[in-house]
N, C-alpha and C. Protein backbone atom coordinates (compact mmCIF):
# COMPACT_ATOMS: atom_id res chain seq x y z
N UNK A 1 -12.06 -2.30 -13.51
CA UNK A 1 -13.02 -1.71 -12.67
C UNK A 1 -12.20 -1.10 -11.51
N UNK A 2 -11.07 -1.66 -11.08
CA UNK A 2 -10.32 -1.14 -9.92
C UNK A 2 -9.86 0.22 -10.24
N UNK A 3 -9.53 0.56 -11.52
CA UNK A 3 -9.06 1.93 -11.87
C UNK A 3 -10.20 2.97 -11.57
N UNK A 4 -11.45 2.63 -11.89
CA UNK A 4 -12.62 3.49 -11.60
C UNK A 4 -12.66 3.75 -10.17
N UNK A 5 -12.67 2.54 -9.43
CA UNK A 5 -12.88 2.67 -7.94
C UNK A 5 -11.76 3.41 -7.37
N UNK A 6 -10.61 3.32 -7.79
CA UNK A 6 -9.46 3.95 -7.27
C UNK A 6 -9.61 5.46 -7.19
N UNK A 7 -10.46 6.01 -8.15
CA UNK A 7 -10.73 7.45 -8.22
C UNK A 7 -11.81 7.86 -7.20
N UNK A 8 -12.61 6.88 -6.79
CA UNK A 8 -13.73 7.17 -5.88
C UNK A 8 -13.33 6.81 -4.47
N UNK A 9 -12.67 5.92 -4.26
CA UNK A 9 -12.45 5.35 -2.68
C UNK A 9 -11.87 6.45 -1.88
N UNK A 10 -10.99 7.29 -2.29
CA UNK A 10 -10.45 8.37 -1.31
C UNK A 10 -11.54 9.33 -0.91
N UNK A 11 -12.64 9.39 -1.53
CA UNK A 11 -13.58 10.29 -1.10
C UNK A 11 -14.83 9.71 -0.43
N UNK A 12 -14.76 8.39 -0.10
CA UNK A 12 -15.94 7.71 0.58
C UNK A 12 -15.99 8.17 1.96
N UNK A 13 -17.25 8.23 2.50
CA UNK A 13 -17.40 8.42 3.91
C UNK A 13 -17.03 7.15 4.61
N UNK A 14 -17.00 7.17 5.93
CA UNK A 14 -16.55 6.02 6.77
C UNK A 14 -17.34 4.72 6.48
N UNK A 15 -18.73 4.89 6.43
CA UNK A 15 -19.63 3.81 6.23
C UNK A 15 -19.40 3.14 4.86
N UNK A 16 -19.34 3.99 3.81
CA UNK A 16 -19.15 3.42 2.51
C UNK A 16 -17.74 2.70 2.31
N UNK A 17 -16.76 3.36 2.98
CA UNK A 17 -15.33 2.79 2.90
C UNK A 17 -15.44 1.45 3.76
N UNK A 18 -16.03 1.37 4.80
CA UNK A 18 -16.18 0.10 5.53
C UNK A 18 -16.77 -1.03 4.73
N UNK A 19 -17.93 -0.67 4.08
CA UNK A 19 -18.72 -1.48 3.18
C UNK A 19 -17.86 -1.99 2.10
N UNK A 20 -17.21 -1.07 1.38
CA UNK A 20 -16.29 -1.41 0.34
C UNK A 20 -15.15 -2.46 0.88
N UNK A 21 -14.62 -2.16 1.90
CA UNK A 21 -13.59 -3.07 2.44
C UNK A 21 -14.11 -4.46 2.79
N UNK A 22 -15.36 -4.52 3.27
CA UNK A 22 -15.90 -5.78 3.69
C UNK A 22 -16.50 -6.60 2.56
N UNK A 23 -17.07 -5.90 1.55
CA UNK A 23 -17.86 -6.69 0.62
C UNK A 23 -17.19 -6.78 -0.84
N UNK A 24 -16.63 -5.56 -1.29
CA UNK A 24 -16.12 -5.57 -2.65
C UNK A 24 -14.54 -5.65 -2.72
N UNK A 25 -13.86 -5.15 -1.81
CA UNK A 25 -12.35 -5.26 -1.80
C UNK A 25 -11.84 -6.65 -1.85
N UNK A 26 -12.36 -7.60 -1.18
CA UNK A 26 -12.01 -9.00 -1.28
C UNK A 26 -11.86 -9.53 -2.74
N UNK A 27 -12.79 -9.14 -3.56
CA UNK A 27 -12.87 -9.51 -5.01
C UNK A 27 -11.60 -9.12 -5.61
N UNK A 28 -11.27 -7.81 -5.36
CA UNK A 28 -10.11 -7.22 -6.01
C UNK A 28 -8.82 -7.81 -5.55
N UNK A 29 -8.79 -8.05 -4.27
CA UNK A 29 -7.54 -8.73 -3.65
C UNK A 29 -7.35 -10.00 -4.36
N UNK A 30 -8.30 -10.80 -4.59
CA UNK A 30 -8.13 -12.04 -5.23
C UNK A 30 -7.66 -11.94 -6.69
N UNK A 31 -8.04 -10.82 -7.36
CA UNK A 31 -7.50 -10.47 -8.62
C UNK A 31 -6.09 -10.04 -8.59
N UNK A 32 -5.71 -9.29 -7.70
CA UNK A 32 -4.30 -8.94 -7.55
C UNK A 32 -3.42 -10.21 -7.27
N UNK A 33 -3.97 -11.21 -6.56
CA UNK A 33 -3.16 -12.37 -6.30
C UNK A 33 -3.00 -13.25 -7.61
N UNK A 34 -3.65 -12.98 -8.67
CA UNK A 34 -3.55 -13.71 -9.83
C UNK A 34 -2.16 -13.56 -10.44
N UNK A 35 -1.69 -14.68 -11.17
CA UNK A 35 -0.46 -14.68 -11.68
C UNK A 35 -0.52 -14.88 -13.17
N UNK A 36 0.27 -14.17 -13.97
CA UNK A 36 0.35 -14.39 -15.49
C UNK A 36 0.54 -15.92 -15.83
N UNK A 37 -0.17 -16.41 -16.82
CA UNK A 37 -0.13 -17.72 -17.28
C UNK A 37 1.36 -18.25 -17.47
N UNK A 38 2.27 -17.52 -18.02
CA UNK A 38 3.65 -18.02 -18.28
C UNK A 38 4.24 -18.25 -16.92
N UNK A 39 4.04 -17.46 -15.85
CA UNK A 39 4.57 -17.58 -14.63
C UNK A 39 4.05 -18.82 -14.00
N UNK A 40 2.82 -18.99 -14.16
CA UNK A 40 2.15 -20.26 -13.43
C UNK A 40 2.73 -21.53 -14.12
N UNK A 41 2.99 -21.51 -15.43
CA UNK A 41 3.61 -22.65 -15.98
C UNK A 41 5.04 -22.79 -15.59
N UNK A 42 5.80 -21.90 -15.38
CA UNK A 42 7.11 -22.06 -14.68
C UNK A 42 7.05 -22.53 -13.26
N UNK A 43 6.13 -21.90 -12.46
CA UNK A 43 5.98 -22.45 -11.14
C UNK A 43 5.62 -23.85 -11.04
N UNK A 44 4.59 -24.29 -11.94
CA UNK A 44 4.20 -25.64 -11.98
C UNK A 44 5.38 -26.65 -12.28
N UNK A 45 6.21 -26.14 -13.29
CA UNK A 45 7.35 -26.93 -13.75
C UNK A 45 8.39 -27.17 -12.57
N UNK A 46 8.64 -26.09 -11.81
CA UNK A 46 9.46 -26.19 -10.61
C UNK A 46 8.95 -27.02 -9.62
N UNK A 47 7.53 -27.02 -9.39
CA UNK A 47 6.90 -27.92 -8.37
C UNK A 47 7.02 -29.33 -8.88
N UNK A 48 6.84 -29.67 -10.15
CA UNK A 48 6.85 -30.96 -10.61
C UNK A 48 8.28 -31.55 -10.53
N UNK A 49 9.24 -30.67 -10.71
CA UNK A 49 10.75 -31.03 -10.53
C UNK A 49 11.11 -31.22 -9.18
N UNK A 50 10.18 -30.81 -8.13
CA UNK A 50 10.54 -30.92 -6.80
C UNK A 50 11.36 -29.87 -6.15
N UNK A 51 11.37 -28.78 -6.84
CA UNK A 51 12.10 -27.63 -6.43
C UNK A 51 11.30 -26.51 -5.79
N UNK A 52 9.97 -26.66 -5.71
CA UNK A 52 9.11 -25.57 -5.19
C UNK A 52 7.86 -26.27 -4.58
N UNK A 53 7.66 -25.79 -3.32
CA UNK A 53 6.35 -26.15 -2.60
C UNK A 53 5.43 -24.96 -2.77
N UNK A 54 4.13 -25.39 -3.14
CA UNK A 54 3.13 -24.41 -3.20
C UNK A 54 1.93 -24.89 -2.23
N UNK A 55 1.81 -24.14 -1.22
CA UNK A 55 0.74 -24.70 -0.26
C UNK A 55 -0.31 -23.57 0.09
N UNK A 56 -1.51 -24.00 0.30
CA UNK A 56 -2.54 -23.13 0.66
C UNK A 56 -2.46 -22.83 2.11
N UNK A 57 -2.39 -21.61 2.56
CA UNK A 57 -2.34 -21.37 4.00
C UNK A 57 -3.59 -21.44 4.75
N UNK A 58 -4.76 -20.98 4.06
CA UNK A 58 -5.97 -21.11 4.86
C UNK A 58 -6.07 -20.05 5.79
N UNK A 59 -6.86 -20.20 6.90
CA UNK A 59 -6.98 -19.08 7.90
C UNK A 59 -6.25 -19.42 9.12
N UNK A 60 -5.92 -20.64 9.40
CA UNK A 60 -5.20 -21.00 10.65
C UNK A 60 -3.80 -21.24 10.30
N UNK A 61 -3.05 -20.18 10.18
CA UNK A 61 -1.54 -20.29 9.98
C UNK A 61 -0.80 -19.23 10.70
N UNK A 62 0.39 -19.44 10.77
CA UNK A 62 1.43 -18.34 11.13
C UNK A 62 2.78 -18.72 10.58
N UNK A 63 3.54 -17.57 10.32
CA UNK A 63 4.86 -17.79 9.76
C UNK A 63 5.81 -17.30 10.85
N UNK A 64 6.75 -18.14 11.29
CA UNK A 64 7.67 -17.86 12.33
C UNK A 64 9.05 -17.50 11.57
N UNK A 65 9.54 -16.27 11.81
CA UNK A 65 10.71 -15.84 11.06
C UNK A 65 11.94 -15.72 11.99
N UNK A 66 11.64 -15.95 13.29
CA UNK A 66 12.75 -15.63 14.23
C UNK A 66 13.29 -16.93 14.91
N UNK A 67 13.41 -18.06 14.19
CA UNK A 67 13.85 -19.29 14.86
C UNK A 67 15.37 -19.41 14.86
N UNK A 68 15.85 -20.43 15.53
CA UNK A 68 17.36 -20.52 15.60
C UNK A 68 17.98 -20.88 14.33
N UNK A 69 17.35 -21.53 13.38
CA UNK A 69 17.89 -21.87 12.10
C UNK A 69 17.45 -20.89 10.90
N UNK A 70 18.28 -20.75 9.96
CA UNK A 70 17.88 -19.75 8.88
C UNK A 70 16.62 -20.20 8.23
N UNK A 71 15.88 -19.21 7.58
CA UNK A 71 14.68 -19.65 6.93
C UNK A 71 13.54 -19.31 7.82
N UNK A 72 12.37 -19.95 7.52
CA UNK A 72 11.10 -19.79 8.21
C UNK A 72 10.38 -21.11 8.59
N UNK A 73 9.63 -21.10 9.62
CA UNK A 73 8.68 -22.25 9.89
C UNK A 73 7.36 -21.67 9.61
N UNK A 74 6.60 -22.42 8.93
CA UNK A 74 5.16 -22.21 8.54
C UNK A 74 4.35 -23.18 9.31
N UNK A 75 3.47 -22.71 10.13
CA UNK A 75 2.58 -23.59 11.03
C UNK A 75 1.23 -23.41 10.44
N UNK A 76 0.64 -24.57 9.95
CA UNK A 76 -0.68 -24.66 9.42
C UNK A 76 -1.44 -25.68 10.20
N UNK A 77 -2.55 -25.18 10.74
CA UNK A 77 -3.36 -26.06 11.58
C UNK A 77 -2.53 -26.85 12.57
N UNK A 78 -1.53 -26.22 13.17
CA UNK A 78 -0.73 -26.97 14.20
C UNK A 78 0.45 -27.66 13.68
N UNK A 79 0.49 -27.89 12.37
CA UNK A 79 1.60 -28.65 11.74
C UNK A 79 2.67 -27.76 11.26
N UNK A 80 3.92 -27.93 11.61
CA UNK A 80 5.01 -27.07 11.40
C UNK A 80 5.79 -27.59 10.16
N UNK A 81 6.20 -26.73 9.20
CA UNK A 81 7.01 -27.09 8.17
C UNK A 81 8.18 -26.09 8.01
N UNK A 82 9.34 -26.44 7.86
CA UNK A 82 10.52 -25.55 7.72
C UNK A 82 10.91 -25.36 6.26
N UNK A 83 11.08 -24.06 5.98
CA UNK A 83 11.58 -23.71 4.62
C UNK A 83 12.92 -22.82 4.66
N UNK A 84 13.86 -23.24 3.88
CA UNK A 84 15.05 -22.36 3.88
C UNK A 84 14.74 -21.07 3.22
N UNK A 85 13.89 -21.27 2.15
CA UNK A 85 13.58 -19.89 1.43
C UNK A 85 11.98 -19.87 1.55
N UNK A 86 11.52 -18.62 1.65
CA UNK A 86 10.07 -18.32 1.72
C UNK A 86 9.76 -17.09 1.05
N UNK A 87 8.80 -17.09 0.15
CA UNK A 87 8.36 -15.83 -0.51
C UNK A 87 6.96 -15.45 0.07
N UNK A 88 6.96 -14.27 0.73
CA UNK A 88 5.61 -13.85 1.26
C UNK A 88 5.01 -12.85 0.22
N UNK A 89 4.05 -13.39 -0.48
CA UNK A 89 3.44 -12.57 -1.63
C UNK A 89 2.13 -11.91 -1.05
N UNK A 90 2.01 -11.73 0.17
CA UNK A 90 0.66 -11.13 0.63
C UNK A 90 0.74 -9.53 0.51
N UNK A 91 1.73 -9.03 0.09
CA UNK A 91 1.62 -7.60 -0.12
C UNK A 91 1.87 -6.71 1.06
N UNK A 92 1.98 -5.37 0.85
CA UNK A 92 2.11 -4.41 1.95
C UNK A 92 0.73 -4.26 2.63
N UNK A 93 0.81 -4.01 3.98
CA UNK A 93 -0.39 -3.72 4.71
C UNK A 93 -0.50 -2.23 5.10
N UNK A 94 -1.60 -1.76 5.16
CA UNK A 94 -1.76 -0.31 5.51
C UNK A 94 -1.03 -0.07 6.99
N UNK A 95 -0.41 1.05 7.04
CA UNK A 95 0.11 1.48 8.38
C UNK A 95 -0.65 2.66 8.97
N UNK A 96 -0.68 2.74 10.29
CA UNK A 96 -1.24 3.84 10.97
C UNK A 96 -0.46 5.05 10.89
N UNK A 97 -0.92 6.18 11.00
CA UNK A 97 -0.15 7.50 11.06
C UNK A 97 0.83 7.38 12.23
N UNK A 98 0.51 6.78 13.32
CA UNK A 98 1.43 6.74 14.40
C UNK A 98 2.69 6.01 14.15
N UNK A 99 2.77 5.33 13.01
CA UNK A 99 3.95 4.55 12.53
C UNK A 99 4.73 5.45 11.60
N UNK A 100 4.26 6.55 11.22
CA UNK A 100 4.99 7.53 10.33
C UNK A 100 6.42 7.78 10.91
N UNK A 101 7.49 7.74 10.13
CA UNK A 101 8.82 7.89 10.65
C UNK A 101 9.25 9.22 11.00
N UNK A 102 8.44 10.26 10.82
CA UNK A 102 8.77 11.65 11.06
C UNK A 102 7.79 12.23 12.06
N UNK A 103 7.82 11.85 13.37
CA UNK A 103 6.89 12.26 14.19
C UNK A 103 6.61 13.73 14.46
N UNK A 104 7.73 14.57 14.23
CA UNK A 104 7.60 15.99 14.34
C UNK A 104 6.53 16.59 13.29
N UNK A 105 6.51 15.94 12.03
CA UNK A 105 5.45 16.44 11.17
C UNK A 105 4.08 16.08 11.55
N UNK A 106 3.89 14.99 12.30
CA UNK A 106 2.61 14.77 12.85
C UNK A 106 2.30 15.66 13.99
N UNK A 107 3.26 15.92 14.92
CA UNK A 107 3.07 16.91 16.00
C UNK A 107 2.79 18.24 15.50
N UNK A 108 3.34 18.70 14.46
CA UNK A 108 3.13 20.06 13.89
C UNK A 108 1.84 20.21 13.11
N UNK A 109 1.22 19.07 12.81
CA UNK A 109 -0.14 19.02 12.02
C UNK A 109 0.13 19.19 10.55
N UNK A 110 1.37 18.96 10.09
CA UNK A 110 1.67 19.04 8.66
C UNK A 110 1.34 17.63 8.05
N UNK A 111 1.46 16.59 8.71
CA UNK A 111 1.09 15.30 8.27
C UNK A 111 -0.05 14.91 9.30
N UNK A 112 -1.16 14.54 8.79
CA UNK A 112 -2.36 14.15 9.65
C UNK A 112 -2.81 12.76 9.45
N UNK A 113 -3.25 12.21 10.48
CA UNK A 113 -3.85 10.94 10.50
C UNK A 113 -5.12 11.00 9.59
N UNK A 114 -5.20 10.05 8.64
CA UNK A 114 -6.48 10.06 7.79
C UNK A 114 -7.73 10.07 8.60
N UNK A 115 -7.77 9.40 9.67
CA UNK A 115 -9.08 9.57 10.55
C UNK A 115 -9.32 10.99 10.96
N UNK A 116 -8.20 11.75 11.37
CA UNK A 116 -8.45 13.13 11.81
C UNK A 116 -8.95 13.95 10.65
N UNK A 117 -8.23 13.78 9.45
CA UNK A 117 -8.60 14.58 8.32
C UNK A 117 -9.87 14.24 7.62
N UNK A 118 -10.18 12.99 7.59
CA UNK A 118 -11.31 12.54 6.86
C UNK A 118 -12.51 11.89 7.66
N UNK A 119 -12.60 12.38 8.81
CA UNK A 119 -13.89 12.03 9.77
C UNK A 119 -13.93 10.54 9.85
N UNK A 120 -13.01 9.87 10.38
CA UNK A 120 -13.15 8.39 10.65
C UNK A 120 -12.55 7.45 9.66
N UNK A 121 -11.89 8.01 8.78
CA UNK A 121 -11.31 7.16 7.61
C UNK A 121 -10.28 6.02 8.33
N UNK A 122 -10.14 5.09 7.65
CA UNK A 122 -9.33 3.96 8.25
C UNK A 122 -7.85 4.36 8.34
N UNK A 123 -6.94 3.56 7.98
CA UNK A 123 -5.58 3.71 8.25
C UNK A 123 -4.83 4.79 7.42
N UNK A 124 -3.58 5.19 7.98
CA UNK A 124 -2.83 5.90 7.28
C UNK A 124 -2.74 7.45 7.47
N UNK A 125 -2.17 8.12 6.50
CA UNK A 125 -2.17 9.54 6.49
C UNK A 125 -3.01 10.02 5.33
N UNK A 126 -3.46 11.24 5.55
CA UNK A 126 -4.31 11.84 4.48
C UNK A 126 -3.52 12.66 3.56
N UNK A 127 -3.61 12.42 2.21
CA UNK A 127 -2.98 13.08 1.18
C UNK A 127 -3.97 13.62 0.10
N UNK A 128 -3.56 14.68 -0.51
CA UNK A 128 -4.36 15.24 -1.57
C UNK A 128 -4.05 14.54 -2.98
N UNK A 129 -4.72 14.91 -3.98
CA UNK A 129 -4.56 14.28 -5.27
C UNK A 129 -3.15 14.22 -5.83
N UNK A 130 -2.31 15.35 -5.48
CA UNK A 130 -0.95 15.42 -5.91
C UNK A 130 0.00 14.79 -4.80
N UNK A 131 -0.59 13.99 -3.79
CA UNK A 131 0.18 13.30 -2.75
C UNK A 131 0.87 14.24 -1.81
N UNK A 132 0.41 15.47 -1.75
CA UNK A 132 0.84 16.44 -0.69
C UNK A 132 0.08 15.97 0.68
N UNK A 133 0.60 16.08 1.78
CA UNK A 133 -0.11 15.89 2.99
C UNK A 133 -1.34 16.78 3.02
N UNK A 134 -2.51 16.22 3.40
CA UNK A 134 -3.71 17.15 3.49
C UNK A 134 -3.70 17.90 4.71
N UNK A 135 -3.14 18.97 4.62
CA UNK A 135 -3.01 19.94 5.84
C UNK A 135 -3.18 21.36 5.33
N UNK A 136 -3.87 22.20 6.16
CA UNK A 136 -3.86 23.60 5.84
C UNK A 136 -2.45 24.31 5.93
N UNK A 137 -1.55 23.66 6.59
CA UNK A 137 -0.23 24.36 6.80
C UNK A 137 0.49 24.45 5.41
N UNK A 138 0.95 25.66 5.09
CA UNK A 138 1.52 25.92 3.76
C UNK A 138 2.75 25.07 3.49
N UNK A 139 3.53 24.65 4.56
CA UNK A 139 4.70 23.77 4.40
C UNK A 139 4.30 22.46 3.78
N UNK A 140 3.11 21.95 3.93
CA UNK A 140 2.63 20.65 3.35
C UNK A 140 2.82 20.68 1.90
N UNK A 141 2.67 21.77 1.16
CA UNK A 141 2.81 21.97 -0.36
C UNK A 141 4.08 21.75 -0.80
N UNK A 142 5.13 21.68 0.08
CA UNK A 142 6.42 21.37 -0.35
C UNK A 142 6.84 19.80 0.02
N UNK A 143 5.80 19.05 0.55
CA UNK A 143 6.12 17.73 0.87
C UNK A 143 5.22 16.86 0.12
N UNK A 144 5.60 15.53 -0.08
CA UNK A 144 4.89 14.55 -0.85
C UNK A 144 4.93 13.20 -0.11
N UNK A 145 3.92 12.43 -0.07
CA UNK A 145 4.06 11.19 0.50
C UNK A 145 3.60 10.11 -0.48
N UNK A 146 4.49 9.32 -0.97
CA UNK A 146 4.19 8.18 -1.81
C UNK A 146 4.49 6.86 -1.21
N UNK A 147 4.70 6.76 0.10
CA UNK A 147 4.90 5.68 0.85
C UNK A 147 3.62 4.81 0.85
N UNK A 148 3.63 3.76 0.11
CA UNK A 148 2.33 2.94 0.04
C UNK A 148 1.73 2.67 1.28
N UNK A 149 2.50 2.00 2.33
CA UNK A 149 1.81 1.61 3.48
C UNK A 149 0.92 2.68 4.22
N UNK A 150 1.41 3.91 3.89
CA UNK A 150 0.76 5.04 4.58
C UNK A 150 -0.46 5.68 3.95
N UNK A 151 -0.55 5.29 2.49
CA UNK A 151 -1.68 5.70 1.81
C UNK A 151 -2.61 4.59 1.28
N UNK A 152 -2.35 3.39 1.58
CA UNK A 152 -3.09 2.26 1.19
C UNK A 152 -4.56 2.26 1.85
N UNK A 153 -4.69 2.83 2.90
CA UNK A 153 -6.09 2.91 3.57
C UNK A 153 -7.09 3.54 2.80
N UNK A 154 -6.71 4.71 2.14
CA UNK A 154 -7.60 5.47 1.30
C UNK A 154 -7.34 5.19 -0.22
N UNK A 155 -6.25 4.57 -0.58
CA UNK A 155 -5.87 4.25 -1.91
C UNK A 155 -5.47 2.77 -2.06
N UNK A 156 -6.37 1.85 -1.99
CA UNK A 156 -6.07 0.48 -1.85
C UNK A 156 -5.48 -0.10 -3.15
N UNK A 157 -5.55 0.49 -4.15
CA UNK A 157 -5.08 -0.03 -5.45
C UNK A 157 -3.75 0.60 -5.93
N UNK A 158 -3.13 1.43 -5.08
CA UNK A 158 -1.79 1.92 -5.54
C UNK A 158 -0.69 1.04 -5.20
N UNK A 159 -0.56 -0.05 -5.94
CA UNK A 159 0.46 -1.05 -5.68
C UNK A 159 1.17 -1.43 -6.93
N UNK A 160 2.45 -1.71 -6.95
CA UNK A 160 3.13 -2.12 -8.09
C UNK A 160 3.75 -1.07 -8.88
N UNK A 161 4.49 -1.59 -9.87
CA UNK A 161 5.32 -0.63 -10.69
C UNK A 161 4.39 0.35 -11.42
N UNK A 162 3.24 -0.06 -11.99
CA UNK A 162 2.43 0.84 -12.82
C UNK A 162 1.97 1.96 -11.93
N UNK A 163 1.43 1.72 -10.75
CA UNK A 163 0.97 2.74 -9.81
C UNK A 163 2.03 3.71 -9.44
N UNK A 164 3.24 3.13 -9.18
CA UNK A 164 4.43 3.84 -8.71
C UNK A 164 4.71 4.78 -9.80
N UNK A 165 4.72 4.20 -11.03
CA UNK A 165 5.14 5.22 -12.28
C UNK A 165 4.06 6.42 -12.40
N UNK A 166 2.76 5.97 -12.20
CA UNK A 166 1.74 7.02 -12.31
C UNK A 166 1.86 8.02 -11.17
N UNK A 167 2.06 7.57 -10.01
CA UNK A 167 2.25 8.56 -8.83
C UNK A 167 3.47 9.37 -9.08
N UNK A 168 4.63 8.82 -9.55
CA UNK A 168 5.65 9.60 -9.83
C UNK A 168 5.49 10.68 -10.90
N UNK A 169 4.74 10.32 -11.88
CA UNK A 169 4.42 11.38 -12.87
C UNK A 169 3.52 12.43 -12.36
N UNK A 170 2.64 12.07 -11.46
CA UNK A 170 1.73 13.11 -10.86
C UNK A 170 2.63 14.08 -10.03
N UNK A 171 3.53 13.58 -9.28
CA UNK A 171 4.45 14.38 -8.38
C UNK A 171 5.41 15.26 -9.37
N UNK A 172 5.95 14.54 -10.31
CA UNK A 172 6.81 15.28 -11.37
C UNK A 172 6.17 16.48 -11.99
N UNK A 173 4.93 16.30 -12.31
CA UNK A 173 4.17 17.37 -12.94
C UNK A 173 3.84 18.44 -11.97
N UNK A 174 3.54 18.09 -10.79
CA UNK A 174 3.30 19.08 -9.72
C UNK A 174 4.68 19.90 -9.42
N UNK A 175 5.66 19.14 -9.31
CA UNK A 175 7.02 19.82 -8.98
C UNK A 175 7.47 20.87 -10.21
N UNK A 176 7.17 20.36 -11.46
CA UNK A 176 7.49 21.29 -12.65
C UNK A 176 6.61 22.59 -12.59
N UNK A 177 5.38 22.34 -12.28
CA UNK A 177 4.44 23.49 -12.10
C UNK A 177 4.95 24.39 -11.03
N UNK A 178 5.31 23.82 -9.88
CA UNK A 178 5.77 24.65 -8.79
C UNK A 178 7.03 25.45 -9.13
N UNK A 179 8.00 24.74 -9.89
CA UNK A 179 9.17 25.47 -10.27
C UNK A 179 8.93 26.56 -11.24
N UNK A 180 8.08 26.31 -12.16
CA UNK A 180 7.63 27.23 -13.12
C UNK A 180 7.01 28.57 -12.51
N UNK A 181 6.15 28.31 -11.57
CA UNK A 181 5.58 29.47 -10.71
C UNK A 181 6.61 30.22 -9.97
N UNK A 182 7.59 29.49 -9.36
CA UNK A 182 8.70 30.12 -8.59
C UNK A 182 9.58 31.00 -9.67
N UNK A 183 9.89 30.43 -10.70
CA UNK A 183 10.61 31.20 -11.73
C UNK A 183 9.93 32.41 -12.28
N UNK A 184 8.61 32.33 -12.38
CA UNK A 184 7.96 33.58 -12.84
C UNK A 184 7.87 34.58 -11.71
N UNK A 185 7.76 34.21 -10.49
CA UNK A 185 7.79 35.09 -9.33
C UNK A 185 9.09 35.79 -9.25
N UNK A 186 10.22 35.02 -9.48
CA UNK A 186 11.56 35.55 -9.36
C UNK A 186 11.85 36.63 -10.55
N UNK A 187 11.24 36.33 -11.68
CA UNK A 187 11.44 37.20 -12.82
C UNK A 187 10.60 38.51 -12.71
N UNK A 188 9.68 38.46 -11.90
CA UNK A 188 8.81 39.66 -11.78
C UNK A 188 9.34 40.68 -10.76
């Protein structure tokens, strides 16, 4: 189902996007958090052997990464536990356009905040189907944004190797088309 919704979500108005994020997206997030059975068996074996702690964080927790000693402190309900190794599997979070590392592109209007381009959209930058910045500026057709944190707001399911492969294929096909058009123009 997430593949179908992934086609629709970029086109939702602000109210529908907010409703999706509040009511339906949590069900998909839980699915993304699932782990294949073989890996679960391996994790449980490591846990039984005393080499792996698996803990539920709940809502009242924080992860302290800047302590004096290496590793992290995990504080859950006020109780602190130290870990030399810690795997944060919460995934990437959407970033605002203000965090985009090329501020000149924002200033020139080549890269636009999704909210500006999509009338109140949530986070990130606005991109077209071929991952060009959604800008009327012709220079935008020579740029692509596949940076997941900047497109997650409107494309919440583009995570992982499969999505990266598919996005790369879209950009590769678009680049090949643009090169072919350029070669035809040069030949004429």
